[in-house]
Protein backbone atom coordinates (compact mmCIF):
# COMPACT_ATOMS: atom_id res chain seq x y z
CA MET A 1 28.67 18.67 24.60
CA ASN A 2 26.95 15.49 23.73
CA THR A 3 28.17 13.24 26.87
CA ASN A 4 28.17 9.89 24.35
CA GLU A 5 31.25 11.08 22.17
CA ASN A 6 33.61 10.18 24.53
CA LEU A 7 31.64 5.96 25.69
CA SER A 8 33.64 3.02 24.23
CA LYS A 9 32.21 0.94 21.80
CA VAL A 10 31.02 -1.54 24.62
CA GLU A 11 29.84 1.39 26.84
CA ARG A 12 27.83 2.32 24.05
CA ARG A 13 26.37 -0.92 23.21
CA GLN A 14 25.20 -1.50 27.23
CA LYS A 15 23.36 2.08 27.29
CA ILE A 16 21.83 1.01 23.56
CA GLN A 17 20.71 -2.20 25.45
CA GLN A 18 19.39 -0.29 28.30
CA LEU A 19 17.49 2.37 25.83
CA VAL A 20 15.90 -0.78 24.61
CA GLU A 21 15.00 -2.18 27.83
CA ALA A 22 13.36 1.13 29.05
CA GLN A 23 11.27 1.81 25.15
CA GLY A 24 10.52 -1.84 24.11
CA ARG A 25 10.94 -0.84 21.03
CA VAL A 26 13.45 1.03 19.29
CA LEU A 27 14.56 2.13 15.84
CA VAL A 28 17.85 2.85 14.05
CA GLU A 29 17.11 6.26 13.79
CA ASP A 30 16.30 6.70 17.39
CA ILE A 31 19.61 5.42 18.00
CA CYS A 32 21.45 7.42 15.85
CA ALA A 33 20.26 11.09 17.23
CA ALA A 34 20.61 9.78 20.63
CA PHE A 35 24.41 8.59 20.53
CA ASP A 36 25.31 10.93 17.43
CA ILE A 37 26.62 7.78 15.20
CA SER A 38 26.07 6.57 11.89
CA LYS A 39 23.04 4.36 10.56
CA ALA A 40 25.67 1.62 9.52
CA THR A 41 27.11 1.99 13.29
CA ALA A 42 24.00 1.66 15.15
CA ARG A 43 22.94 -1.36 12.56
CA ARG A 44 26.31 -3.06 13.34
CA ASP A 45 25.86 -2.51 17.49
CA LEU A 46 22.41 -3.97 17.52
CA ASP A 47 23.44 -6.94 14.98
CA ALA A 48 25.90 -7.87 18.18
CA LEU A 49 23.39 -7.19 20.66
CA ALA A 50 21.28 -9.62 18.92
CA GLU A 51 23.97 -11.83 18.94
CA GLN A 52 24.40 -12.23 22.63
CA GLN A 53 20.69 -12.45 22.74
CA GLN A 54 20.72 -9.28 24.56
CA ILE A 55 17.61 -8.04 22.11
CA ILE A 56 15.55 -8.83 18.94
CA ARG A 57 16.68 -7.42 15.95
CA PHE A 58 14.17 -7.02 13.43
CA HIS A 59 14.65 -4.70 10.15
CA GLY A 60 14.54 -1.12 11.07
CA GLY A 61 15.47 -1.47 15.25
CA ALA A 62 15.15 -3.95 17.95
CA LEU A 63 12.85 -5.05 20.55
CA ARG A 64 13.23 -5.62 23.98
CA LYS A 65 14.28 -9.57 24.84
CA ASN A 66 10.85 -10.69 26.57
CA SER A 67 8.60 -8.49 23.95
CA ALA A 68 5.46 -9.87 22.86
CA VAL A 69 5.83 -7.99 19.13
CA ALA A 70 7.30 -10.09 16.57
CA GLU A 71 9.06 -8.77 13.78
CA SER A 72 6.31 -10.47 11.67
CA ASP A 73 4.37 -7.55 12.90
CA ILE A 74 6.54 -4.44 11.89
CA PRO A 75 4.89 -3.20 8.62
CA VAL A 76 6.53 -4.30 4.85
CA HIS A 77 6.48 -0.28 4.12
CA GLN A 78 9.26 0.17 7.44
CA ARG A 79 11.01 -2.85 6.54
CA ASN A 80 11.56 -0.99 3.08
CA ASN A 81 13.68 1.38 4.62
CA GLU A 82 16.23 -0.70 6.07
CA GLN A 83 19.37 -2.57 4.20
CA THR A 84 17.93 -0.97 0.99
CA GLU A 85 21.25 -1.03 -0.84
CA ALA A 86 21.48 -4.41 -0.01
CA LYS A 87 18.33 -5.77 -1.08
CA SER A 88 18.67 -3.65 -3.81
CA ARG A 89 21.84 -5.51 -5.04
CA ILE A 90 19.95 -8.95 -4.33
CA GLY A 91 17.05 -7.87 -6.18
CA GLU A 92 18.74 -6.94 -9.23
CA ARG A 93 20.97 -10.35 -8.81
CA ALA A 94 17.80 -12.77 -8.14
CA ALA A 95 16.08 -11.22 -11.08
CA GLU A 96 18.99 -12.15 -13.45
CA LEU A 97 17.53 -15.69 -12.82
CA ILE A 98 14.91 -14.77 -14.58
CA LYS A 99 14.34 -15.84 -18.06
CA ASP A 100 11.77 -14.30 -20.69
CA GLY A 101 9.02 -17.18 -20.99
CA ASP A 102 9.92 -18.16 -17.05
CA THR A 103 6.11 -18.51 -15.36
CA ILE A 104 6.96 -17.58 -11.97
CA PHE A 105 5.70 -16.61 -8.39
CA LEU A 106 6.66 -13.73 -5.78
CA ALA A 107 5.73 -14.03 -2.32
CA SER A 108 5.78 -10.88 -0.32
CA GLY A 109 8.48 -9.11 1.98
CA SER A 110 10.72 -5.82 0.96
CA THR A 111 13.34 -8.39 -0.19
CA VAL A 112 10.75 -10.31 -2.73
CA LEU A 113 9.46 -6.34 -4.06
CA GLU A 114 13.16 -5.65 -4.94
CA VAL A 115 13.62 -8.78 -7.53
CA ALA A 116 9.80 -7.43 -9.03
CA LYS A 117 11.83 -3.85 -9.39
CA HIS A 118 14.51 -5.62 -11.64
CA LEU A 119 11.91 -7.53 -13.95
CA HIS A 120 10.28 -4.72 -15.97
CA GLY A 121 10.47 -5.48 -19.69
CA LYS A 122 10.86 -9.51 -18.90
CA LYS A 123 8.29 -11.33 -21.28
CA ILE A 124 6.91 -13.28 -18.03
CA ASN A 125 4.08 -14.50 -16.00
CA VAL A 126 3.89 -13.56 -12.44
CA LEU A 127 2.09 -14.82 -9.83
CA THR A 128 1.54 -13.56 -6.55
CA ASN A 129 0.17 -13.10 -3.36
CA SER A 130 1.80 -9.81 -2.51
CA LEU A 131 -0.46 -6.31 -3.07
CA LEU A 132 2.74 -4.52 -3.44
CA VAL A 133 4.06 -6.66 -6.24
CA MET A 134 0.61 -6.30 -8.08
CA ASN A 135 1.41 -2.45 -7.64
CA GLU A 136 4.77 -2.36 -8.84
CA LEU A 137 4.11 -4.60 -12.16
CA TRP A 138 0.70 -3.90 -13.15
CA ALA A 139 1.35 -0.91 -15.85
CA ASP A 140 3.74 -3.64 -17.35
CA GLU A 141 2.08 -5.28 -20.62
CA SER A 142 4.99 -7.84 -21.10
CA ILE A 143 4.17 -8.96 -17.59
CA GLU A 144 1.24 -11.35 -17.14
CA VAL A 145 0.08 -10.75 -13.44
CA ILE A 146 -1.94 -13.49 -11.61
CA SER A 147 -3.24 -12.73 -7.89
CA THR A 148 -4.00 -15.75 -5.47
CA GLY A 149 -6.51 -13.67 -3.66
CA GLY A 150 -6.81 -14.60 0.11
CA ILE A 151 -7.44 -13.07 3.42
CA LEU A 152 -5.24 -9.75 3.14
CA ARG A 153 -2.53 -9.50 5.81
CA ARG A 154 -2.37 -5.69 6.22
CA SER A 155 1.10 -5.70 7.49
CA GLU A 156 2.23 -7.58 5.28
CA LEU A 157 0.17 -6.09 1.83
CA SER A 158 -0.26 -9.80 1.06
CA PHE A 159 -2.75 -12.60 0.80
CA ILE A 160 -2.42 -15.65 3.06
CA GLY A 161 -5.14 -18.01 4.18
CA HIS A 162 -7.31 -21.42 3.09
CA ILE A 163 -8.56 -19.65 -0.61
CA SER A 164 -4.81 -18.42 -1.43
CA GLU A 165 -4.12 -22.00 -0.50
CA LYS A 166 -6.30 -23.57 -2.55
CA SER A 167 -5.60 -21.59 -5.91
CA LEU A 168 -1.80 -22.38 -5.16
CA GLU A 169 -3.16 -26.41 -5.84
CA GLU A 170 -4.30 -25.38 -9.60
CA ILE A 171 -0.97 -23.67 -10.35
CA CYS A 172 2.71 -24.76 -11.26
CA ALA A 173 6.08 -22.06 -11.61
CA ASP A 174 9.23 -22.41 -12.87
CA LYS A 175 10.60 -20.33 -10.50
CA VAL A 176 9.24 -19.53 -6.58
CA ILE A 177 10.98 -16.18 -5.13
CA LEU A 178 10.76 -15.72 -1.70
CA GLY A 179 12.17 -13.76 1.38
CA THR A 180 12.58 -15.41 5.27
CA PHE A 181 11.82 -14.27 8.41
CA SER A 182 15.60 -16.48 9.29
CA ILE A 183 17.66 -18.79 7.87
CA HIS A 184 19.78 -21.62 9.64
CA PRO A 185 22.09 -24.07 8.65
CA SER A 186 20.45 -26.21 11.12
CA THR A 187 17.29 -25.04 11.35
CA GLY A 188 16.40 -23.87 7.90
CA LEU A 189 13.68 -21.48 7.20
CA THR A 190 11.41 -20.38 10.01
CA HIS A 191 8.86 -17.70 10.40
CA ASN A 192 7.41 -16.54 14.28
CA TYR A 193 3.55 -15.43 12.13
CA LEU A 194 2.10 -18.81 12.58
CA PRO A 195 -1.50 -18.14 10.62
CA GLU A 196 1.30 -17.60 7.04
CA ILE A 197 3.41 -21.11 7.53
CA MET A 198 1.02 -22.87 5.71
CA THR A 199 0.60 -20.26 2.82
CA ASP A 200 4.35 -20.02 2.65
CA ARG A 201 4.87 -23.87 2.31
CA ALA A 202 2.08 -23.75 -0.46
CA ILE A 203 4.00 -21.16 -2.49
CA ILE A 204 7.28 -23.30 -1.68
CA ASN A 205 5.39 -26.60 -3.28
CA ILE A 206 4.51 -25.01 -6.50
CA GLY A 207 7.34 -24.21 -7.41
CA ARG A 208 10.10 -26.42 -9.72
CA GLN A 209 12.91 -24.02 -8.50
CA VAL A 210 12.92 -22.49 -5.28
CA ILE A 211 14.91 -19.15 -4.55
CA VAL A 212 15.52 -16.89 -1.31
CA VAL A 213 16.47 -13.79 -1.13
CA ALA A 214 17.91 -12.58 2.08
CA ASP A 215 20.45 -10.37 3.86
CA HIS A 216 22.73 -10.96 5.98
CA SER A 217 20.76 -10.10 8.96
CA LYS A 218 18.45 -13.29 8.53
CA PHE A 219 21.71 -15.37 8.79
CA ASN A 220 22.27 -17.70 11.68
CA ARG A 221 19.48 -17.46 13.64
CA SER A 222 15.90 -19.33 14.39
CA ALA A 223 12.52 -18.05 14.96
CA SER A 224 9.50 -20.02 16.90
CA ALA A 225 7.75 -21.43 13.75
CA PHE A 226 9.58 -23.78 11.03
CA LEU A 227 8.37 -23.60 7.41
CA VAL A 228 11.12 -26.02 5.71
CA PRO A 229 14.42 -27.31 5.72
CA LEU A 230 17.02 -26.02 3.37
CA SER A 231 16.67 -28.90 1.02
CA LYS A 232 13.89 -27.43 -0.03
CA VAL A 233 15.73 -24.73 -1.09
CA ASN A 234 17.31 -24.61 -4.34
CA VAL A 235 19.20 -21.16 -4.66
CA LEU A 236 19.73 -18.79 -1.87
CA VAL A 237 20.69 -14.67 -3.15
CA THR A 238 22.17 -12.41 -0.41
CA ASP A 239 24.63 -9.46 0.19
CA ALA A 240 28.38 -9.57 0.87
CA ASP A 241 27.97 -8.93 4.46
CA ALA A 242 26.79 -12.42 4.79
CA PRO A 243 28.99 -14.40 7.43
CA GLN A 244 31.10 -16.15 5.33
CA LYS A 245 31.19 -19.65 8.08
CA VAL A 246 27.10 -19.79 7.28
CA VAL A 247 27.53 -19.45 3.77
CA ASP A 248 30.03 -22.37 3.76
CA GLN A 249 27.43 -24.57 5.95
CA ILE A 250 24.84 -23.65 3.84
CA GLU A 251 26.14 -24.20 0.49
CA LYS A 252 27.43 -27.75 2.34
CA SER A 253 23.72 -28.37 2.81
CA GLY A 254 23.76 -28.10 -1.07
CA VAL A 255 22.31 -24.86 -1.62
CA GLN A 256 23.81 -22.47 -4.18
CA VAL A 257 24.78 -19.44 -2.70
CA ILE A 258 25.05 -16.06 -4.75
CA LEU A 259 26.20 -13.05 -3.44
CA ALA A 260 24.98 -9.94 -4.61
């Protein structure tokens, strides 16, 4: 008999917190197996613990609160397995904003990759620093693909650094589409990986319109490094599980919010 069957929600979450503390890093699948619960329930438990600042949440699991490991070090191929339905809806909705003839920049990240998957057949120019985006679009002859080059960040499969930033000085885009580590009404966009900050700022600066794609788990939290304020963002595409109170605050700052 599973001894976890009769645990209350509060007790289960306490035990999940203890598991994270003991192991340092756990995945959603580990929690499902340990407590015989669904992925949706495991995610809700982790989200609740993260809101209480008991753990650090990342796509796919959680870290001990004082862990030196940042979510930005979680490989992008692993993050691809989290919030898959929400990301796909976000990607499809964001792709609808792209019209034939547009020149766009697609940044790195698993949610941006979902945008790329919904662009096939459009007659557009795609600038990118993401190897995953290049691999997705290279065979589509209706799309012109242009790479920035630079230093390869292996965990993200993206190019960053001085070479990338210098190449961005020579181009402009009708629309820039990028993900974010975190989004907050007060602190704007923040990130945990400092070497990528300057490259992301350079990407944002080339766009006539900046579109952020982010699922609900990225909301109402702040990371260690400031990227840009919300005033730099024109459109935010997110999923229907985004907290309404936070969405309202973001809209009041002048950002158009689209729910997918």
